[in-house]
PDB file of N, CA and C in Angstrom:
ATOM      1  N   UNK A   1     109.948  92.031 132.463  1.00  0.00           N
ATOM      2  CA  UNK A   1     110.374  93.387 132.150  1.00  0.00           C
ATOM      3  C   UNK A   1     109.134  94.251 131.981  1.00  0.00           C
ATOM      4  N   UNK A   2     109.203  95.455 132.498  1.00  0.00           N
ATOM      5  CA  UNK A   2     108.079  96.374 132.397  1.00  0.00           C
ATOM      6  C   UNK A   2     107.884  96.823 130.955  1.00  0.00           C
ATOM      7  N   UNK A   3     106.634  96.975 130.574  1.00  0.00           N
ATOM      8  CA  UNK A   3     106.335  97.427 129.223  1.00  0.00           C
ATOM      9  C   UNK A   3     106.579  98.922 129.121  1.00  0.00           C
ATOM     10  N   UNK A   4     107.016  99.343 127.954  1.00  0.00           N
ATOM     11  CA  UNK A   4     107.252 100.755 127.683  1.00  0.00           C
ATOM     12  C   UNK A   4     105.895 101.438 127.568  1.00  0.00           C
ATOM     13  N   UNK A   5     105.789 102.676 128.097  1.00  0.00           N
ATOM     14  CA  UNK A   5     104.515 103.377 128.140  1.00  0.00           C
ATOM     15  C   UNK A   5     103.913 103.564 126.744  1.00  0.00           C
ATOM     16  N   UNK A   6     104.682 104.041 125.802  1.00  0.00           N
ATOM     17  CA  UNK A   6     104.188 104.248 124.439  1.00  0.00           C
ATOM     18  C   UNK A   6     104.605 103.045 123.600  1.00  0.00           C
ATOM     19  N   UNK A   7     103.638 102.307 123.087  1.00  0.00           N
ATOM     20  CA  UNK A   7     103.986 101.106 122.317  1.00  0.00           C
ATOM     21  C   UNK A   7     104.870 101.394 121.109  1.00  0.00           C
ATOM     22  N   UNK A   8     104.673 102.539 120.475  1.00  0.00           N
ATOM     23  CA  UNK A   8     105.492 102.875 119.308  1.00  0.00           C
ATOM     24  C   UNK A   8     106.953 103.011 119.717  1.00  0.00           C
ATOM     25  N   UNK A   9     107.204 103.698 120.843  1.00  0.00           N
ATOM     26  CA  UNK A   9     108.585 103.850 121.321  1.00  0.00           C
ATOM     27  C   UNK A   9     109.221 102.493 121.579  1.00  0.00           C
ATOM     28  N   UNK A  10     108.490 101.618 122.238  1.00  0.00           N
ATOM     29  CA  UNK A  10     109.030 100.299 122.565  1.00  0.00           C
ATOM     30  C   UNK A  10     109.338  99.471 121.336  1.00  0.00           C
ATOM     31  N   UNK A  11     108.462  99.505 120.372  1.00  0.00           N
ATOM     32  CA  UNK A  11     108.673  98.716 119.153  1.00  0.00           C
ATOM     33  C   UNK A  11     109.881  99.241 118.382  1.00  0.00           C
ATOM     34  N   UNK A  12     109.961 100.558 118.214  1.00  0.00           N
ATOM     35  CA  UNK A  12     111.100 101.099 117.461  1.00  0.00           C
ATOM     36  C   UNK A  12     112.407 100.924 118.235  1.00  0.00           C
ATOM     37  N   UNK A  13     112.360 101.041 119.545  1.00  0.00           N
ATOM     38  CA  UNK A  13     113.570 100.801 120.345  1.00  0.00           C
ATOM     39  C   UNK A  13     114.023  99.359 120.159  1.00  0.00           C
ATOM     40  N   UNK A  14     113.094  98.437 120.216  1.00  0.00           N
ATOM     41  CA  UNK A  14     113.443  97.022 120.057  1.00  0.00           C
ATOM     42  C   UNK A  14     113.990  96.742 118.664  1.00  0.00           C
ATOM     43  N   UNK A  15     113.386  97.346 117.667  1.00  0.00           N
ATOM     44  CA  UNK A  15     113.803  97.076 116.294  1.00  0.00           C
ATOM     45  C   UNK A  15     115.048  97.864 115.886  1.00  0.00           C
ATOM     46  N   UNK A  16     115.544  98.736 116.755  1.00  0.00           N
ATOM     47  CA  UNK A  16     116.739  99.507 116.420  1.00  0.00           C
ATOM     48  C   UNK A  16     118.002  98.666 116.454  1.00  0.00           C
ATOM     49  N   UNK A  17     117.929  97.481 117.012  1.00  0.00           N
ATOM     50  CA  UNK A  17     119.105  96.621 117.137  1.00  0.00           C
ATOM     51  C   UNK A  17     119.061  95.512 116.076  1.00  0.00           C
ATOM     52  N   UNK A  18     120.171  95.301 115.342  1.00  0.00           N
ATOM     53  CA  UNK A  18     120.159  94.282 114.284  1.00  0.00           C
ATOM     54  C   UNK A  18     119.930  92.860 114.800  1.00  0.00           C
ATOM     55  N   UNK A  19     120.431  92.548 115.975  1.00  0.00           N
ATOM     56  CA  UNK A  19     120.201  91.208 116.537  1.00  0.00           C
ATOM     57  C   UNK A  19     118.717  90.984 116.762  1.00  0.00           C
ATOM     58  N   UNK A  20     118.057  91.973 117.333  1.00  0.00           N
ATOM     59  CA  UNK A  20     116.624  91.825 117.612  1.00  0.00           C
ATOM     60  C   UNK A  20     115.809  91.766 116.321  1.00  0.00           C
ATOM     61  N   UNK A  21     116.235  92.541 115.307  1.00  0.00           N
ATOM     62  CA  UNK A  21     115.523  92.453 114.023  1.00  0.00           C
ATOM     63  C   UNK A  21     115.655  91.059 113.428  1.00  0.00           C
ATOM     64  N   UNK A  22     116.850  90.466 113.536  1.00  0.00           N
ATOM     65  CA  UNK A  22     117.035  89.110 113.004  1.00  0.00           C
ATOM     66  C   UNK A  22     116.194  88.097 113.780  1.00  0.00           C
ATOM     67  N   UNK A  23     116.076  88.291 115.081  1.00  0.00           N
ATOM     68  CA  UNK A  23     115.232  87.394 115.886  1.00  0.00           C
ATOM     69  C   UNK A  23     113.773  87.519 115.444  1.00  0.00           C
ATOM     70  N   UNK A  24     113.321  88.745 115.219  1.00  0.00           N
ATOM     71  CA  UNK A  24     111.942  88.946 114.757  1.00  0.00           C
ATOM     72  C   UNK A  24     111.738  88.258 113.402  1.00  0.00           C
ATOM     73  N   UNK A  25     112.720  88.421 112.507  1.00  0.00           N
ATOM     74  CA  UNK A  25     112.623  87.758 111.204  1.00  0.00           C
ATOM     75  C   UNK A  25     112.553  86.241 111.365  1.00  0.00           C
ATOM     76  N   UNK A  26     113.394  85.706 112.236  1.00  0.00           N
ATOM     77  CA  UNK A  26     113.415  84.256 112.453  1.00  0.00           C
ATOM     78  C   UNK A  26     112.082  83.779 113.020  1.00  0.00           C
ATOM     79  N   UNK A  27     111.548  84.522 113.979  1.00  0.00           N
ATOM     80  CA  UNK A  27     110.278  84.113 114.581  1.00  0.00           C
ATOM     81  C   UNK A  27     109.110  84.306 113.619  1.00  0.00           C
ATOM     82  N   UNK A  28     109.315  85.067 112.570  1.00  0.00           N
ATOM     83  CA  UNK A  28     108.292  85.181 111.539  1.00  0.00           C
ATOM     84  C   UNK A  28     108.096  83.869 110.791  1.00  0.00           C
ATOM     85  N   UNK A  29     109.099  83.025 110.836  1.00  0.00           N
ATOM     86  CA  UNK A  29     109.010  81.711 110.179  1.00  0.00           C
ATOM     87  C   UNK A  29     108.268  80.703 111.054  1.00  0.00           C
ATOM     88  N   UNK A  30     108.634  80.668 112.340  1.00  0.00           N
ATOM     89  CA  UNK A  30     108.010  79.722 113.274  1.00  0.00           C
ATOM     90  C   UNK A  30     108.500  80.022 114.686  1.00  0.00           C
ATOM     91  N   UNK A  31     107.766  79.570 115.684  1.00  0.00           N
ATOM     92  CA  UNK A  31     108.254  79.702 117.058  1.00  0.00           C
ATOM     93  C   UNK A  31     109.569  78.948 117.228  1.00  0.00           C
ATOM     94  N   UNK A  32     110.372  79.371 118.206  1.00  0.00           N
ATOM     95  CA  UNK A  32     111.677  78.730 118.416  1.00  0.00           C
ATOM     96  C   UNK A  32     112.077  78.843 119.877  1.00  0.00           C
ATOM     97  N   UNK A  33     112.908  77.891 120.287  1.00  0.00           N
ATOM     98  CA  UNK A  33     113.426  77.913 121.659  1.00  0.00           C
ATOM     99  C   UNK A  33     114.549  78.941 121.754  1.00  0.00           C
ATOM    100  N   UNK A  34     114.927  79.258 122.971  1.00  0.00           N
ATOM    101  CA  UNK A  34     116.009  80.221 123.195  1.00  0.00           C
ATOM    102  C   UNK A  34     117.287  79.723 122.539  1.00  0.00           C
ATOM    103  N   UNK A  35     117.615  78.461 122.701  1.00  0.00           N
ATOM    104  CA  UNK A  35     118.863  77.936 122.129  1.00  0.00           C
ATOM    105  C   UNK A  35     118.824  77.970 120.601  1.00  0.00           C
ATOM    106  N   UNK A  36     117.679  77.694 120.012  1.00  0.00           N
ATOM    107  CA  UNK A  36     117.572  77.783 118.545  1.00  0.00           C
ATOM    108  C   UNK A  36     117.764  79.218 118.077  1.00  0.00           C
ATOM    109  N   UNK A  37     117.191  80.138 118.820  1.00  0.00           N
ATOM    110  CA  UNK A  37     117.301  81.541 118.435  1.00  0.00           C
ATOM    111  C   UNK A  37     118.724  82.058 118.627  1.00  0.00           C
ATOM    112  N   UNK A  38     119.391  81.598 119.689  1.00  0.00           N
ATOM    113  CA  UNK A  38     120.724  82.102 120.023  1.00  0.00           C
ATOM    114  C   UNK A  38     121.823  81.497 119.148  1.00  0.00           C
ATOM    115  N   UNK A  39     121.576  80.346 118.567  1.00  0.00           N
ATOM    116  CA  UNK A  39     122.604  79.593 117.861  1.00  0.00           C
ATOM    117  C   UNK A  39     123.374  80.403 116.804  1.00  0.00           C
ATOM    118  N   UNK A  40     122.734  81.197 115.955  1.00  0.00           N
ATOM    119  CA  UNK A  40     123.516  81.903 114.921  1.00  0.00           C
ATOM    120  C   UNK A  40     124.304  83.112 115.429  1.00  0.00           C
ATOM    121  N   UNK A  41     124.136  83.476 116.687  1.00  0.00           N
ATOM    122  CA  UNK A  41     124.777  84.689 117.191  1.00  0.00           C
ATOM    123  C   UNK A  41     125.995  84.349 118.032  1.00  0.00           C
ATOM    124  N   UNK A  42     127.046  85.117 117.843  1.00  0.00           N
ATOM    125  CA  UNK A  42     128.282  84.918 118.584  1.00  0.00           C
ATOM    126  C   UNK A  42     128.268  85.814 119.822  1.00  0.00           C
ATOM    127  N   UNK A  43     127.463  85.408 120.792  1.00  0.00           N
ATOM    128  CA  UNK A  43     127.404  86.167 122.046  1.00  0.00           C
ATOM    129  C   UNK A  43     127.010  85.220 123.177  1.00  0.00           C
ATOM    130  N   UNK A  44     127.316  85.632 124.373  1.00  0.00           N
ATOM    131  CA  UNK A  44     126.980  84.820 125.544  1.00  0.00           C
ATOM    132  C   UNK A  44     125.461  84.729 125.684  1.00  0.00           C
ATOM    133  N   UNK A  45     125.004  83.592 126.167  1.00  0.00           N
ATOM    134  CA  UNK A  45     123.560  83.375 126.290  1.00  0.00           C
ATOM    135  C   UNK A  45     122.869  84.444 127.153  1.00  0.00           C
ATOM    136  N   UNK A  46     123.462  84.840 128.287  1.00  0.00           N
ATOM    137  CA  UNK A  46     122.804  85.897 129.074  1.00  0.00           C
ATOM    138  C   UNK A  46     122.634  87.210 128.294  1.00  0.00           C
ATOM    139  N   UNK A  47     123.604  87.528 127.461  1.00  0.00           N
ATOM    140  CA  UNK A  47     123.485  88.749 126.645  1.00  0.00           C
ATOM    141  C   UNK A  47     122.376  88.590 125.617  1.00  0.00           C
ATOM    142  N   UNK A  48     122.284  87.397 125.043  1.00  0.00           N
ATOM    143  CA  UNK A  48     121.229  87.158 124.054  1.00  0.00           C
ATOM    144  C   UNK A  48     119.855  87.209 124.710  1.00  0.00           C
ATOM    145  N   UNK A  49     119.761  86.650 125.901  1.00  0.00           N
ATOM    146  CA  UNK A  49     118.474  86.650 126.613  1.00  0.00           C
ATOM    147  C   UNK A  49     118.014  88.083 126.898  1.00  0.00           C
ATOM    148  N   UNK A  50     118.959  88.995 127.093  1.00  0.00           N
ATOM    149  CA  UNK A  50     118.587  90.405 127.285  1.00  0.00           C
ATOM    150  C   UNK A  50     117.849  90.945 126.056  1.00  0.00           C
ATOM    151  N   UNK A  51     118.307  90.539 124.869  1.00  0.00           N
ATOM    152  CA  UNK A  51     117.608  90.951 123.645  1.00  0.00           C
ATOM    153  C   UNK A  51     116.180  90.399 123.641  1.00  0.00           C
ATOM    154  N   UNK A  52     116.040  89.147 124.047  1.00  0.00           N
ATOM    155  CA  UNK A  52     114.697  88.548 124.075  1.00  0.00           C
ATOM    156  C   UNK A  52     113.804  89.261 125.084  1.00  0.00           C
ATOM    157  N   UNK A  53     114.355  89.662 126.197  1.00  0.00           N
ATOM    158  CA  UNK A  53     113.563  90.382 127.207  1.00  0.00           C
ATOM    159  C   UNK A  53     113.069  91.724 126.678  1.00  0.00           C
ATOM    160  N   UNK A  54     113.921  92.394 125.920  1.00  0.00           N
ATOM    161  CA  UNK A  54     113.495  93.677 125.333  1.00  0.00           C
ATOM    162  C   UNK A  54     112.363  93.445 124.332  1.00  0.00           C
ATOM    163  N   UNK A  55     112.515  92.409 123.502  1.00  0.00           N
ATOM    164  CA  UNK A  55     111.465  92.097 122.522  1.00  0.00           C
ATOM    165  C   UNK A  55     110.164  91.719 123.221  1.00  0.00           C
ATOM    166  N   UNK A  56     110.268  90.957 124.285  1.00  0.00           N
ATOM    167  CA  UNK A  56     109.077  90.542 125.021  1.00  0.00           C
ATOM    168  C   UNK A  56     108.482  91.726 125.785  1.00  0.00           C
ATOM    169  N   UNK A  57     109.352  92.586 126.293  1.00  0.00           N
ATOM    170  CA  UNK A  57     108.890  93.746 127.059  1.00  0.00           C
ATOM    171  C   UNK A  57     108.047  94.706 126.245  1.00  0.00           C
ATOM    172  N   UNK A  58     108.350  94.818 124.969  1.00  0.00           N
ATOM    173  CA  UNK A  58     107.554  95.732 124.127  1.00  0.00           C
ATOM    174  C   UNK A  58     106.410  94.997 123.439  1.00  0.00           C
ATOM    175  N   UNK A  59     106.302  93.708 123.669  1.00  0.00           N
ATOM    176  CA  UNK A  59     105.168  92.961 123.135  1.00  0.00           C
ATOM    177  C   UNK A  59     105.352  92.401 121.736  1.00  0.00           C
ATOM    178  N   UNK A  60     106.575  92.500 121.204  1.00  0.00           N
ATOM    179  CA  UNK A  60     106.800  91.947 119.860  1.00  0.00           C
ATOM    180  C   UNK A  60     106.827  90.421 119.866  1.00  0.00           C
ATOM    181  N   UNK A  61     107.248  89.843 120.984  1.00  0.00           N
ATOM    182  CA  UNK A  61     107.282  88.386 121.098  1.00  0.00           C
ATOM    183  C   UNK A  61     106.670  87.998 122.436  1.00  0.00           C
ATOM    184  N   UNK A  62     106.244  86.758 122.509  1.00  0.00           N
ATOM    185  CA  UNK A  62     105.778  86.209 123.770  1.00  0.00           C
ATOM    186  C   UNK A  62     106.452  84.855 123.943  1.00  0.00           C
ATOM    187  N   UNK A  63     106.472  84.380 125.176  1.00  0.00           N
ATOM    188  CA  UNK A  63     107.145  83.109 125.424  1.00  0.00           C
ATOM    189  C   UNK A  63     106.300  82.230 126.325  1.00  0.00           C
ATOM    190  N   UNK A  64     106.533  80.939 126.181  1.00  0.00           N
ATOM    191  CA  UNK A  64     105.938  79.942 127.066  1.00  0.00           C
ATOM    192  C   UNK A  64     107.049  79.015 127.510  1.00  0.00           C
ATOM    193  N   UNK A  65     106.871  78.459 128.690  1.00  0.00           N
ATOM    194  CA  UNK A  65     107.903  77.560 129.206  1.00  0.00           C
ATOM    195  C   UNK A  65     107.289  76.195 129.407  1.00  0.00           C
ATOM    196  N   UNK A  66     107.965  75.193 128.861  1.00  0.00           N
ATOM    197  CA  UNK A  66     107.548  73.807 129.047  1.00  0.00           C
ATOM    198  C   UNK A  66     108.751  73.042 129.571  1.00  0.00           C
ATOM    199  N   UNK A  67     108.706  72.708 130.839  1.00  0.00           N
ATOM    200  CA  UNK A  67     109.879  72.071 131.450  1.00  0.00           C
ATOM    201  C   UNK A  67     111.012  73.066 131.519  1.00  0.00           C
ATOM    202  N   UNK A  68     112.124  72.718 130.898  1.00  0.00           N
ATOM    203  CA  UNK A  68     113.289  73.614 130.907  1.00  0.00           C
ATOM    204  C   UNK A  68     113.405  74.423 129.623  1.00  0.00           C
ATOM    205  N   UNK A  69     112.481  74.219 128.717  1.00  0.00           N
ATOM    206  CA  UNK A  69     112.563  74.877 127.408  1.00  0.00           C
ATOM    207  C   UNK A  69     111.593  76.048 127.342  1.00  0.00           C
ATOM    208  N   UNK A  70     112.131  77.220 127.050  1.00  0.00           N
ATOM    209  CA  UNK A  70     111.304  78.411 126.832  1.00  0.00           C
ATOM    210  C   UNK A  70     111.225  78.646 125.319  1.00  0.00           C
ATOM    211  N   UNK A  71     110.002  78.721 124.839  1.00  0.00           N
ATOM    212  CA  UNK A  71     109.769  78.905 123.400  1.00  0.00           C
ATOM    213  C   UNK A  71     109.184  80.290 123.162  1.00  0.00           C
ATOM    214  N   UNK A  72     109.759  80.971 122.164  1.00  0.00           N
ATOM    215  CA  UNK A  72     109.298  82.319 121.801  1.00  0.00           C
ATOM    216  C   UNK A  72     108.523  82.264 120.501  1.00  0.00           C
ATOM    217  N   UNK A  73     107.553  83.152 120.414  1.00  0.00           N
ATOM    218  CA  UNK A  73     106.786  83.304 119.162  1.00  0.00           C
ATOM    219  C   UNK A  73     106.530  84.787 118.921  1.00  0.00           C
ATOM    220  N   UNK A  74     106.410  85.115 117.660  1.00  0.00           N
ATOM    221  CA  UNK A  74     106.195  86.506 117.251  1.00  0.00           C
ATOM    222  C   UNK A  74     104.752  86.914 117.515  1.00  0.00           C
ATOM    223  N   UNK A  75     104.563  88.154 117.950  1.00  0.00           N
ATOM    224  CA  UNK A  75     103.220  88.722 118.088  1.00  0.00           C
ATOM    225  C   UNK A  75     103.062  89.767 116.989  1.00  0.00           C
ATOM    226  N   UNK A  76     102.578  89.365 115.818  1.00  0.00           N
ATOM    227  CA  UNK A  76     102.527  90.292 114.682  1.00  0.00           C
ATOM    228  C   UNK A  76     101.634  91.500 114.910  1.00  0.00           C
ATOM    229  N   UNK A  77     100.700  91.408 115.832  1.00  0.00           N
ATOM    230  CA  UNK A  77      99.828  92.552 116.094  1.00  0.00           C
ATOM    231  C   UNK A  77     100.635  93.758 116.560  1.00  0.00           C
ATOM    232  N   UNK A  78     101.718  93.507 117.299  1.00  0.00           N
ATOM    233  CA  UNK A  78     102.538  94.628 117.784  1.00  0.00           C
ATOM    234  C   UNK A  78     103.295  95.294 116.637  1.00  0.00           C
ATOM    235  N   UNK A  79     103.645  94.536 115.619  1.00  0.00           N
ATOM    236  CA  UNK A  79     104.294  95.138 114.456  1.00  0.00           C
ATOM    237  C   UNK A  79     103.356  96.117 113.759  1.00  0.00           C
ATOM    238  N   UNK A  80     102.058  95.873 113.890  1.00  0.00           N
ATOM    239  CA  UNK A  80     101.072  96.751 113.271  1.00  0.00           C
ATOM    240  C   UNK A  80     101.163  98.163 113.848  1.00  0.00           C
ATOM    241  N   UNK A  81     101.546  98.273 115.112  1.00  0.00           N
ATOM    242  CA  UNK A  81     101.714  99.588 115.753  1.00  0.00           C
ATOM    243  C   UNK A  81     102.736 100.411 114.980  1.00  0.00           C
ATOM    244  N   UNK A  82     103.874  99.790 114.668  1.00  0.00           N
ATOM    245  CA  UNK A  82     104.914 100.494 113.921  1.00  0.00           C
ATOM    246  C   UNK A  82     104.453 100.783 112.495  1.00  0.00           C
ATOM    247  N   UNK A  83     103.815  99.817 111.888  1.00  0.00           N
ATOM    248  CA  UNK A  83     103.332 100.005 110.517  1.00  0.00           C
ATOM    249  C   UNK A  83     102.317 101.137 110.440  1.00  0.00           C
ATOM    250  N   UNK A  84     101.415 101.216 111.404  1.00  0.00           N
ATOM    251  CA  UNK A  84     100.421 102.291 111.420  1.00  0.00           C
ATOM    252  C   UNK A  84     101.089 103.656 111.567  1.00  0.00           C
ATOM    253  N   UNK A  85     102.090 103.749 112.448  1.00  0.00           N
ATOM    254  CA  UNK A  85     102.792 105.010 112.656  1.00  0.00           C
ATOM    255  C   UNK A  85     103.500 105.436 111.365  1.00  0.00           C
ATOM    256  N   UNK A  86     104.183 104.486 110.731  1.00  0.00           N
ATOM    257  CA  UNK A  86     104.882 104.793 109.481  1.00  0.00           C
ATOM    258  C   UNK A  86     103.898 105.203 108.386  1.00  0.00           C
ATOM    259  N   UNK A  87     102.742 104.558 108.331  1.00  0.00           N
ATOM    260  CA  UNK A  87     101.741 104.914 107.312  1.00  0.00           C
ATOM    261  C   UNK A  87     101.236 106.335 107.529  1.00  0.00           C
ATOM    262  N   UNK A  88     101.027 106.723 108.788  1.00  0.00           N
ATOM    263  CA  UNK A  88     100.586 108.097 109.070  1.00  0.00           C
ATOM    264  C   UNK A  88     101.658 109.107 108.647  1.00  0.00           C
ATOM    265  N   UNK A  89     102.918 108.790 108.931  1.00  0.00           N
ATOM    266  CA  UNK A  89     104.008 109.696 108.548  1.00  0.00           C
ATOM    267  C   UNK A  89     104.130 109.790 107.034  1.00  0.00           C
ATOM    268  N   UNK A  90     103.988 108.669 106.354  1.00  0.00           N
ATOM    269  CA  UNK A  90     104.060 108.670 104.894  1.00  0.00           C
ATOM    270  C   UNK A  90     102.937 109.524 104.307  1.00  0.00           C
ATOM    271  N   UNK A  91     101.743 109.377 104.822  1.00  0.00           N
ATOM    272  CA  UNK A  91     100.612 110.160 104.314  1.00  0.00           C
ATOM    273  C   UNK A  91     100.843 111.648 104.539  1.00  0.00           C
ATOM    274  N   UNK A  92     101.351 111.999 105.716  1.00  0.00           N
ATOM    275  CA  UNK A  92     101.645 113.399 106.027  1.00  0.00           C
ATOM    276  C   UNK A  92     102.653 113.982 105.040  1.00  0.00           C
ATOM    277  N   UNK A  93     103.743 113.272 104.808  1.00  0.00           N
ATOM    278  CA  UNK A  93     104.793 113.796 103.929  1.00  0.00           C
ATOM    279  C   UNK A  93     104.383 113.778 102.470  1.00  0.00           C
ATOM    280  N   UNK A  94     103.595 112.811 102.082  1.00  0.00           N
ATOM    281  CA  UNK A  94     103.091 112.822 100.702  1.00  0.00           C
ATOM    282  C   UNK A  94     102.166 114.013 100.477  1.00  0.00           C
ATOM    283  N   UNK A  95     101.334 114.322 101.460  1.00  0.00           N
ATOM    284  CA  UNK A  95     100.439 115.477 101.363  1.00  0.00           C
ATOM    285  C   UNK A  95     101.259 116.768 101.290  1.00  0.00           C
ATOM    286  N   UNK A  96     102.302 116.873 102.115  1.00  0.00           N
ATOM    287  CA  UNK A  96     103.153 118.070 102.087  1.00  0.00           C
ATOM    288  C   UNK A  96     103.879 118.204 100.759  1.00  0.00           C
ATOM    289  N   UNK A  97     104.379 117.110 100.228  1.00  0.00           N
ATOM    290  CA  UNK A  97     105.074 117.168  98.938  1.00  0.00           C
ATOM    291  C   UNK A  97     104.111 117.519  97.809  1.00  0.00           C
ATOM    292  N   UNK A  98     102.895 117.033  97.886  1.00  0.00           N
ATOM    293  CA  UNK A  98     101.879 117.399  96.886  1.00  0.00           C
ATOM    294  C   UNK A  98     101.593 118.892  96.955  1.00  0.00           C
ATOM    295  N   UNK A  99     101.501 119.442  98.177  1.00  0.00           N
ATOM    296  CA  UNK A  99     101.275 120.878  98.341  1.00  0.00           C
ATOM    297  C   UNK A  99     102.454 121.680  97.789  1.00  0.00           C
ATOM    298  N   UNK A 100     103.670 121.218  98.049  1.00  0.00           N
ATOM    299  CA  UNK A 100     104.858 121.897  97.529  1.00  0.00           C
ATOM    300  C   UNK A 100     104.866 121.833  96.008  1.00  0.00           C
ATOM    301  N   UNK A 101     104.547 120.683  95.461  1.00  0.00           N
ATOM    302  CA  UNK A 101     104.501 120.526  94.012  1.00  0.00           C
ATOM    303  C   UNK A 101     103.484 121.490  93.397  1.00  0.00           C
ATOM    304  N   UNK A 102     102.320 121.572  94.012  1.00  0.00           N
ATOM    305  CA  UNK A 102     101.277 122.473  93.525  1.00  0.00           C
ATOM    306  C   UNK A 102     101.749 123.929  93.590  1.00  0.00           C
ATOM    307  N   UNK A 103     102.383 124.302  94.681  1.00  0.00           N
ATOM    308  CA  UNK A 103     102.897 125.666  94.850  1.00  0.00           C
ATOM    309  C   UNK A 103     103.946 125.987  93.785  1.00  0.00           C
ATOM    310  N   UNK A 104     104.870 125.066  93.561  1.00  0.00           N
ATOM    311  CA  UNK A 104     105.924 125.286  92.572  1.00  0.00           C
ATOM    312  C   UNK A 104     105.355 125.390  91.156  1.00  0.00           C
ATOM    313  N   UNK A 105     104.324 124.599  90.870  1.00  0.00           N
ATOM    314  CA  UNK A 105     103.685 124.703  89.554  1.00  0.00           C
ATOM    315  C   UNK A 105     103.020 126.062  89.365  1.00  0.00           C
ATOM    316  N   UNK A 106     102.411 126.584  90.443  1.00  0.00           N
ATOM    317  CA  UNK A 106     101.794 127.905  90.373  1.00  0.00           C
ATOM    318  C   UNK A 106     102.854 128.980  90.134  1.00  0.00           C
ATOM    319  N   UNK A 107     103.985 128.866  90.820  1.00  0.00           N
ATOM    320  CA  UNK A 107     105.073 129.826  90.614  1.00  0.00           C
ATOM    321  C   UNK A 107     105.585 129.777  89.179  1.00  0.00           C
ATOM    322  N   UNK A 108     105.701 128.579  88.667  1.00  0.00           N
ATOM    323  CA  UNK A 108     106.191 128.405  87.301  1.00  0.00           C
ATOM    324  C   UNK A 108     105.220 129.033  86.301  1.00  0.00           C
ATOM    325  N   UNK A 109     103.919 128.871  86.556  1.00  0.00           N
ATOM    326  CA  UNK A 109     102.904 129.457  85.669  1.00  0.00           C
ATOM    327  C   UNK A 109     102.941 130.980  85.711  1.00  0.00           C
ATOM    328  N   UNK A 110     103.219 131.552  86.882  1.00  0.00           N
ATOM    329  CA  UNK A 110     103.270 133.004  87.018  1.00  0.00           C
ATOM    330  C   UNK A 110     104.452 133.599  86.260  1.00  0.00           C
ATOM    331  N   UNK A 111     105.538 132.861  86.138  1.00  0.00           N
ATOM    332  CA  UNK A 111     106.746 133.361  85.467  1.00  0.00           C
ATOM    333  C   UNK A 111     106.619 133.332  83.949  1.00  0.00           C
ATOM    334  N   UNK A 112     105.639 132.637  83.454  1.00  0.00           N
ATOM    335  CA  UNK A 112     105.475 132.562  81.992  1.00  0.00           C
ATOM    336  C   UNK A 112     104.896 133.836  81.442  1.00  0.00           C
TER     337      UNK A 112
END
């Protein structure tokens, strides 16, 4: 699957689905085969594999094949892309709220 041009878009698109989030959580514990990953989900294997392709396409997971078994593992470095974006947004909004707080305090002082 082709990689999404903006890594942030791909990561958030992949994580927007609860099945894919659960797969990421599971792979955070250890690598797993497709059948191990698919076992808790009530869906056809081809549909589940589509979720894995999306995760692999955005770089959140990678896979290796040994014989007939394909094993997936988490690529935590890609999660850092989302974490960095969220940290920048948090800093921006905290700065704006601090400015608003300062402005409101000045208004309150003027009314006294």
